[in-house]
Protein backbone atom coordinates (compact mmCIF):
# COMPACT_ATOMS: atom_id res chain seq x y z
CA SER A 1 8.03 -16.84 4.84
CA ALA A 2 6.61 -14.73 7.69
CA LEU A 3 4.09 -17.54 8.28
CA GLY A 4 6.67 -20.32 8.03
CA ILE A 5 5.49 -21.41 4.57
CA LYS A 6 8.48 -22.34 2.41
CA VAL A 7 8.17 -21.91 -1.36
CA PRO A 8 10.76 -22.08 -4.16
CA SER A 9 12.01 -18.82 -5.64
CA ALA A 10 9.84 -17.26 -8.34
CA GLY A 11 9.91 -19.16 -11.64
CA HIS A 12 11.48 -22.33 -10.20
CA HIS A 13 9.80 -25.66 -9.53
CA GLY A 14 9.99 -27.15 -6.07
CA ALA A 15 8.17 -28.91 -3.26
CA CYS A 16 4.54 -27.91 -2.71
CA PRO A 17 4.02 -26.63 0.85
CA ALA A 18 0.42 -27.87 0.76
CA CYS A 19 0.52 -31.42 -0.67
CA GLY A 20 4.24 -32.18 -0.30
CA GLY A 21 4.87 -33.02 -3.95
CA LYS A 22 8.62 -32.73 -4.58
CA ASP A 23 8.68 -30.97 -7.97
CA ARG A 24 5.13 -29.96 -8.83
CA PHE A 25 4.92 -26.45 -7.35
CA ARG A 26 5.91 -23.17 -9.04
CA LEU A 27 5.59 -19.58 -7.81
CA ASP A 28 5.00 -17.09 -10.66
CA ASP A 29 3.92 -14.17 -8.41
CA LYS A 30 1.91 -12.30 -11.07
CA ALA A 31 1.42 -8.61 -10.25
CA GLY A 32 2.99 -9.25 -6.84
CA ARG A 33 -0.06 -11.25 -5.68
CA GLY A 34 1.90 -14.37 -4.73
CA THR A 35 0.25 -16.42 -7.47
CA TRP A 36 1.31 -20.05 -7.78
CA PHE A 37 0.55 -23.32 -9.55
CA CYS A 38 0.67 -26.95 -8.39
CA ASN A 39 -0.06 -30.00 -10.55
CA GLN A 40 -1.96 -31.51 -7.62
CA CYS A 41 -3.51 -28.56 -5.75
CA GLY A 42 -4.36 -26.31 -8.72
CA HIS A 43 -3.54 -22.60 -8.62
CA GLY A 44 -4.32 -19.46 -6.65
CA ASP A 45 -2.82 -16.43 -4.95
CA GLY A 46 -0.93 -16.02 -1.70
CA LEU A 47 -4.09 -16.00 0.41
CA ASP A 48 -5.25 -19.27 -1.17
CA LEU A 49 -1.89 -20.87 -0.36
CA VAL A 50 -2.08 -19.84 3.30
CA ARG A 51 -5.60 -21.29 3.46
CA LEU A 52 -4.50 -24.61 1.94
CA VAL A 53 -1.37 -25.03 4.06
CA THR A 54 -2.95 -24.05 7.38
CA GLY A 55 -6.38 -25.59 6.79
CA ARG A 56 -7.98 -22.36 8.01
CA LYS A 57 -11.03 -20.69 6.53
CA ILE A 58 -10.48 -17.72 4.23
CA LYS A 59 -11.33 -15.21 6.96
CA GLU A 60 -8.89 -16.78 9.42
CA ALA A 61 -6.17 -17.03 6.76
CA ALA A 62 -6.56 -13.34 5.91
CA GLY A 63 -6.23 -12.49 9.59
CA MET A 64 -2.97 -14.44 9.78
CA VAL A 65 -1.58 -12.65 6.73
CA SER A 66 -2.64 -9.24 8.00
CA GLU A 67 -0.97 -9.87 11.35
CA ALA A 68 2.23 -11.30 9.86
CA LEU A 69 2.74 -8.62 7.23
CA ALA A 70 1.18 -5.68 9.09
CA LEU A 71 -1.47 -5.40 6.38
CA PRO A 72 -3.66 -3.71 5.37
CA GLU A 73 -2.38 -0.18 5.12
CA ILE A 74 -4.38 2.16 7.32
CA GLN A 75 -4.68 5.89 6.93
CA GLU A 76 -6.24 7.76 9.83
CA LYS A 77 -8.98 10.25 8.96
CA PRO A 78 -8.03 11.08 5.36
CA ALA A 79 -9.27 14.31 3.85
CA LEU A 80 -11.85 13.51 1.18
CA PRO A 81 -12.74 16.19 -1.38
CA ALA A 82 -16.35 16.95 -2.19
CA ARG A 83 -18.07 14.66 -4.67
CA LYS A 84 -17.99 15.71 -8.28
CA LYS A 85 -20.15 14.69 -11.19
CA ALA A 86 -18.40 12.72 -13.89
CA ALA A 87 -17.12 15.11 -16.52
CA GLY A 88 -16.05 14.32 -20.04
CA LYS A 89 -16.04 11.02 -21.87
CA GLU A 90 -13.49 8.39 -20.96
CA ALA A 91 -13.15 5.32 -23.15
CA GLY A 92 -12.71 2.99 -20.18
CA ALA A 93 -15.71 4.44 -18.38
CA GLU A 94 -17.83 4.13 -21.52
CA ARG A 95 -16.84 0.49 -21.97
CA TYR A 96 -17.66 -0.26 -18.35
CA THR A 97 -21.07 1.42 -18.62
CA ARG A 98 -21.93 -0.50 -21.79
CA LEU A 99 -20.92 -3.85 -20.29
CA ARG A 100 -22.72 -3.03 -17.05
CA GLN A 101 -25.95 -2.40 -18.94
CA GLN A 102 -25.59 -5.82 -20.56
CA SER A 103 -24.67 -7.65 -17.37
CA CYS A 104 -26.78 -9.36 -14.74
CA ASN A 105 -26.20 -9.69 -11.00
CA GLY A 106 -25.27 -12.97 -9.37
CA GLU A 107 -22.71 -14.77 -7.21
CA PRO A 108 -19.28 -14.85 -8.92
CA VAL A 109 -17.66 -18.28 -9.10
CA TYR A 110 -14.34 -16.50 -8.56
CA LEU A 111 -15.44 -15.51 -5.05
CA THR A 112 -17.25 -18.72 -4.10
CA ASN A 113 -14.10 -20.66 -5.04
CA LYS A 114 -12.33 -18.61 -2.37
CA GLY A 115 -14.99 -19.34 0.24
CA LEU A 116 -16.65 -15.93 -0.10
CA HIS A 117 -20.40 -16.45 -0.45
CA GLY A 118 -23.48 -14.26 -0.52
CA TYR A 119 -22.19 -11.43 -2.72
CA SER A 120 -24.43 -10.42 -5.64
CA LEU A 121 -22.31 -8.53 -8.17
CA PRO A 122 -22.37 -7.65 -11.90
CA LEU A 123 -21.53 -10.64 -14.11
CA LEU A 124 -20.96 -10.75 -17.86
CA SER A 125 -23.96 -12.11 -19.75
CA GLN A 126 -21.87 -12.90 -22.84
CA PRO A 127 -18.28 -14.14 -23.23
CA LEU A 128 -15.56 -11.62 -24.04
CA ASN A 129 -11.96 -12.06 -25.18
CA LEU A 130 -9.59 -9.41 -23.87
CA ALA A 131 -5.79 -9.22 -23.74
CA GLY A 132 -5.56 -12.86 -24.77
CA ILE A 133 -7.82 -13.96 -21.92
CA THR A 134 -11.29 -15.46 -22.27
CA PHE A 135 -13.86 -14.01 -19.91
CA CYS A 136 -16.81 -16.39 -20.04
CA SER A 137 -20.39 -15.58 -19.12
CA GLY A 138 -20.46 -15.14 -15.36
CA SER A 139 -17.10 -13.36 -15.18
CA LEU A 140 -17.02 -10.58 -12.60
CA LEU A 141 -17.26 -6.95 -13.76
CA LEU A 142 -15.96 -4.31 -11.33
CA PRO A 143 -15.89 -0.51 -11.68
CA LEU A 144 -12.77 1.59 -11.18
CA THR A 145 -13.52 4.88 -9.45
CA ASP A 146 -11.55 7.89 -8.30
CA ILE A 147 -11.77 9.75 -4.99
CA SER A 148 -14.51 12.00 -6.39
CA GLY A 149 -16.72 9.02 -7.23
CA ASN A 150 -16.19 9.18 -11.00
CA ILE A 151 -16.02 5.86 -12.85
CA THR A 152 -12.69 5.72 -14.69
CA GLY A 153 -12.88 2.23 -16.19
CA GLY A 154 -13.41 -1.36 -15.17
CA GLN A 155 -11.78 -4.68 -14.35
CA LEU A 156 -12.85 -8.18 -15.41
CA ILE A 157 -12.10 -11.32 -13.39
CA ASN A 158 -12.99 -14.76 -14.76
CA PRO A 159 -13.79 -17.81 -12.59
CA ASP A 160 -10.13 -18.92 -12.72
CA GLY A 161 -9.00 -15.57 -11.30
CA ASP A 162 -7.50 -14.19 -14.52
CA LYS A 163 -7.85 -10.41 -14.60
CA SER A 164 -7.77 -7.63 -17.16
CA LEU A 165 -8.55 -3.94 -17.19
CA LEU A 166 -10.98 -2.67 -19.81
CA PRO A 167 -9.12 -0.78 -22.56
CA GLY A 168 -8.93 2.92 -21.87
CA SER A 169 -9.30 2.56 -18.10
CA GLN A 170 -7.62 5.36 -16.17
CA LEU A 171 -5.41 3.94 -13.40
CA SER A 172 -4.07 7.14 -11.87
CA GLY A 173 -5.81 7.62 -8.52
CA ALA A 174 -8.28 4.81 -9.26
CA PHE A 175 -9.36 1.94 -7.03
CA ILE A 176 -12.19 -0.55 -6.53
CA ALA A 177 -14.36 0.42 -3.57
CA LEU A 178 -16.57 -2.03 -1.69
CA THR A 179 -19.06 0.74 -0.87
CA ASP A 180 -19.79 4.27 -2.03
CA ILE A 181 -17.56 7.10 -0.85
CA PRO A 182 -18.81 8.00 2.64
CA ALA A 183 -20.48 11.38 3.09
CA GLU A 184 -18.35 12.03 6.19
CA THR A 185 -14.65 11.42 6.62
CA PRO A 186 -14.23 7.83 7.88
CA GLU A 187 -12.14 6.95 10.92
CA GLN A 188 -9.88 4.84 8.74
CA VAL A 189 -9.40 3.89 5.10
CA ILE A 190 -8.07 0.40 4.43
CA ILE A 191 -6.25 -0.27 1.18
CA THR A 192 -5.82 -3.89 0.13
CA GLU A 193 -4.29 -5.61 -2.87
CA GLY A 194 -7.11 -7.25 -4.81
CA PHE A 195 -10.90 -7.30 -4.58
CA ALA A 196 -11.24 -10.69 -2.87
CA THR A 197 -8.78 -9.60 -0.18
CA ALA A 198 -10.78 -6.41 0.33
CA LEU A 199 -13.96 -8.42 0.88
CA THR A 200 -12.17 -10.69 3.33
CA VAL A 201 -10.74 -7.75 5.27
CA SER A 202 -14.25 -6.25 5.47
CA LEU A 203 -15.22 -9.31 7.52
CA LEU A 204 -12.42 -8.63 9.98
CA THR A 205 -12.62 -4.91 10.65
CA GLU A 206 -14.55 -1.72 10.08
CA GLY A 207 -13.63 1.21 7.88
CA TRP A 208 -13.90 2.31 4.27
CA ILE A 209 -12.18 -0.46 2.31
CA VAL A 210 -10.82 -0.16 -1.22
CA ALA A 211 -8.75 -2.45 -3.44
CA ALA A 212 -5.71 -1.10 -5.22
CA VAL A 213 -5.57 -1.82 -8.95
CA ALA A 214 -2.54 -3.05 -10.90
CA ALA A 215 -2.08 -2.65 -14.63
CA THR A 216 -2.31 -6.45 -15.13
């Protein structure tokens, strides 16, 4: 609404703000990401909807959202503890490591569908069913890390944008970082909601950028 885009209340069908269809649009807002579905336009998250309605590129759409909602959250010069070696065995971390060893790098369809090109990231080499979701070959595999740099689990994202955490992943204090923890305290840390949004924000500003992780 801050951008003048009118949508029906969550769970109700209504007019699509992109194509104008009178009763083909529904907002389900999964995990607070503004997810939606339209019989004509397909589906996506809040950033995708802004891009469709405004006709802007993904980078420009993200800039509009950031300005309208005062996102992303910025913390000035946070205190980072010294790095620590991973200690103990965590089921989620073990699962991530095993899948990572079996994966291959490439461009995720999930990102190219959002207009984000040129990113070579770990992709599943074999399909995997998890939490009732099928993650086909080529699904994106991302590590969850804590502030000390320890891997605490992983997240899978298939080409359609469906997501699931690997079983046993530790969420407390975990995030998905675009780059390694800096050796020196950065001027600002930017926390976004979702990996694709974090990549988009990295095109707009400088800083150490991480994506917050939801349970679903």
